[in-house]
C-alpha atoms as a PDB file:
ATOM      1  CA  MET A   1     182.091  60.698 140.858  1.00  0.00           C
ATOM      2  CA  TYR A   2     183.344  61.699 137.403  1.00  0.00           C
ATOM      3  CA  ARG A   3     181.481  58.823 135.745  1.00  0.00           C
ATOM      4  CA  LEU A   4     178.219  59.743 137.435  1.00  0.00           C
ATOM      5  CA  ALA A   5     178.649  63.457 136.704  1.00  0.00           C
ATOM      6  CA  HIS A   6     178.993  62.655 132.995  1.00  0.00           C
ATOM      7  CA  ALA A   7     176.592  59.702 132.765  1.00  0.00           C
ATOM      8  CA  ARG A   8     174.143  59.670 129.882  1.00  0.00           C
ATOM      9  CA  LYS A   9     171.748  57.063 131.269  1.00  0.00           C
ATOM     10  CA  ALA A  10     171.475  58.155 134.901  1.00  0.00           C
ATOM     11  CA  PRO A  11     168.615  60.368 136.140  1.00  0.00           C
ATOM     12  CA  ARG A  12     169.253  63.970 135.074  1.00  0.00           C
ATOM     13  CA  ASP A  13     168.890  65.389 138.610  1.00  0.00           C
ATOM     14  CA  LEU A  14     171.412  62.919 140.008  1.00  0.00           C
ATOM     15  CA  VAL A  15     173.904  63.736 137.236  1.00  0.00           C
ATOM     16  CA  GLN A  16     173.529  67.458 137.925  1.00  0.00           C
ATOM     17  CA  ARG A  17     174.098  66.959 141.662  1.00  0.00           C
ATOM     18  CA  ALA A  18     177.188  64.845 141.003  1.00  0.00           C
ATOM     19  CA  ARG A  19     178.437  67.585 138.668  1.00  0.00           C
ATOM     20  CA  MET A  20     178.016  70.102 141.521  1.00  0.00           C
ATOM     21  CA  VAL A  21     180.266  67.973 143.714  1.00  0.00           C
ATOM     22  CA  GLU A  22     182.790  67.475 140.920  1.00  0.00           C
ATOM     23  CA  LEU A  23     183.010  71.212 140.207  1.00  0.00           C
ATOM     24  CA  SER A  24     183.408  71.880 143.913  1.00  0.00           C
ATOM     25  CA  TRP A  25     186.277  69.377 144.092  1.00  0.00           C
ATOM     26  CA  VAL A  26     188.171  71.182 141.331  1.00  0.00           C
ATOM     27  CA  GLY A  27     187.889  74.442 143.242  1.00  0.00           C
ATOM     28  CA  GLN A  28     184.924  76.236 141.719  1.00  0.00           C
ATOM     29  CA  ARG A  29     183.009  78.414 144.148  1.00  0.00           C
ATOM     30  CA  VAL A  30     179.301  77.998 144.798  1.00  0.00           C
ATOM     31  CA  PRO A  31     178.157  81.035 142.732  1.00  0.00           C
ATOM     32  CA  ALA A  32     180.176  79.860 139.704  1.00  0.00           C
ATOM     33  CA  ILE A  33     178.741  76.327 140.008  1.00  0.00           C
ATOM     34  CA  ALA A  34     175.215  77.756 140.242  1.00  0.00           C
ATOM     35  CA  ASP A  35     175.776  79.891 137.140  1.00  0.00           C
ATOM     36  CA  GLU A  36     177.184  76.990 135.148  1.00  0.00           C
ATOM     37  CA  LEU A  37     174.377  74.610 136.113  1.00  0.00           C
ATOM     38  CA  ARG A  38     171.654  77.278 135.966  1.00  0.00           C
ATOM     39  CA  CYS A  39     170.364  76.862 139.491  1.00  0.00           C
ATOM     40  CA  SER A  40     170.491  78.906 142.677  1.00  0.00           C
ATOM     41  CA  SER A  41     173.473  79.128 144.998  1.00  0.00           C
ATOM     42  CA  ASN A  42     171.265  77.838 147.807  1.00  0.00           C
ATOM     43  CA  THR A  43     170.501  74.705 145.775  1.00  0.00           C
ATOM     44  CA  VAL A  44     174.216  74.066 145.236  1.00  0.00           C
ATOM     45  CA  ARG A  45     174.973  74.586 148.934  1.00  0.00           C
ATOM     46  CA  ARG A  46     172.156  72.257 149.996  1.00  0.00           C
ATOM     47  CA  TRP A  47     173.362  69.404 147.757  1.00  0.00           C
ATOM     48  CA  LEU A  48     177.015  69.880 148.716  1.00  0.00           C
ATOM     49  CA  HIS A  49     176.067  69.739 152.405  1.00  0.00           C
ATOM     50  CA  ARG A  50     173.979  66.612 151.842  1.00  0.00           C
ATOM     51  CA  PHE A  51     176.858  64.986 149.945  1.00  0.00           C
ATOM     52  CA  ASN A  52     179.319  65.869 152.719  1.00  0.00           C
ATOM     53  CA  ARG A  53     176.938  64.397 155.296  1.00  0.00           C
ATOM     54  CA  SER A  54     175.849  61.226 153.449  1.00  0.00           C
ATOM     55  CA  GLY A  55     178.113  60.645 150.452  1.00  0.00           C
ATOM     56  CA  LEU A  56     176.541  59.479 147.197  1.00  0.00           C
ATOM     57  CA  ASP A  57     173.353  58.491 149.046  1.00  0.00           C
ATOM     58  CA  GLY A  58     172.919  62.160 149.923  1.00  0.00           C
ATOM     59  CA  LEU A  59     172.490  63.018 146.240  1.00  0.00           C
ATOM     60  CA  GLU A  60     169.395  60.799 145.890  1.00  0.00           C
ATOM     61  CA  ASP A  61     165.883  62.205 146.171  1.00  0.00           C
ATOM     62  CA  LEU A  62     164.335  61.621 149.574  1.00  0.00           C
ATOM     63  CA  GLY A  63     160.973  60.646 148.146  1.00  0.00           C
ATOM     64  CA  GLY A  64     157.650  61.303 149.775  1.00  0.00           C
ATOM     65  CA  GLN A  65     158.014  65.037 149.276  1.00  0.00           C
ATOM     66  CA  GLY A  66     155.118  65.425 146.839  1.00  0.00           C
ATOM     67  CA  PRO A  67     151.612  66.627 147.623  1.00  0.00           C
ATOM     68  CA  VAL A  68     149.358  64.465 149.777  1.00  0.00           C
ATOM     69  CA  GLN A  69     146.646  62.752 147.730  1.00  0.00           C
ATOM     70  CA  ARG A  70     143.222  63.944 148.793  1.00  0.00           C
ATOM     71  CA  ILE A  71     141.205  61.248 147.026  1.00  0.00           C
ATOM     72  CA  THR A  72     141.851  57.574 146.413  1.00  0.00           C
ATOM     73  CA  GLU A  73     142.477  56.066 142.982  1.00  0.00           C
ATOM     74  CA  ALA A  74     139.017  54.416 143.148  1.00  0.00           C
ATOM     75  CA  GLN A  75     137.382  57.789 143.806  1.00  0.00           C
ATOM     76  CA  ARG A  76     139.395  59.366 140.988  1.00  0.00           C
ATOM     77  CA  SER A  77     138.229  56.625 138.576  1.00  0.00           C
ATOM     78  CA  ARG A  78     134.586  57.176 139.559  1.00  0.00           C
ATOM     79  CA  ILE A  79     134.906  60.921 138.968  1.00  0.00           C
ATOM     80  CA  ILE A  80     136.525  60.419 135.570  1.00  0.00           C
ATOM     81  CA  GLY A  81     133.856  57.863 134.610  1.00  0.00           C
ATOM     82  CA  TRP A  82     131.103  60.222 135.751  1.00  0.00           C
ATOM     83  CA  SER A  83     132.516  63.198 133.826  1.00  0.00           C
ATOM     84  CA  ASP A  84     133.020  61.105 130.666  1.00  0.00           C
ATOM     85  CA  SER A  85     129.450  59.828 130.731  1.00  0.00           C
ATOM     86  CA  HIS A  86     128.074  63.339 131.215  1.00  0.00           C
ATOM     87  CA  LEU A  87     130.192  64.722 128.356  1.00  0.00           C
ATOM     88  CA  GLN A  88     128.954  62.013 126.004  1.00  0.00           C
ATOM     89  CA  ALA A  89     125.317  62.532 127.044  1.00  0.00           C
ATOM     90  CA  GLY A  90     125.453  66.267 126.408  1.00  0.00           C
END
C-alpha cells in the first residue's frame, strides 16, 4: 500500500485513495485525512469502506458512471462538418 500511496506514475486518483487507506492505518481520523488530502469526509469514508469491502480493487474507478451519450459519433461528425461548412460559407 505504501508504494501505491507514494507512486509517481500511477493514476492520481488511485494514489490519493491509497493514501487515504495508509493514513487511516497509521491512526489518523477521517476529518484529518480529508483536511490533508483536501476532500470531504464523506469521500474518505466512502473509499475506506470500499477498500475494506474489496481490497485494492475497491480503490479502482467503477467505470460507466459518466453521462449517457445522446448522439452517435457518426451524428456528431455530421454536425461538426455541417457547422464548419456554414462557418466557412459565411
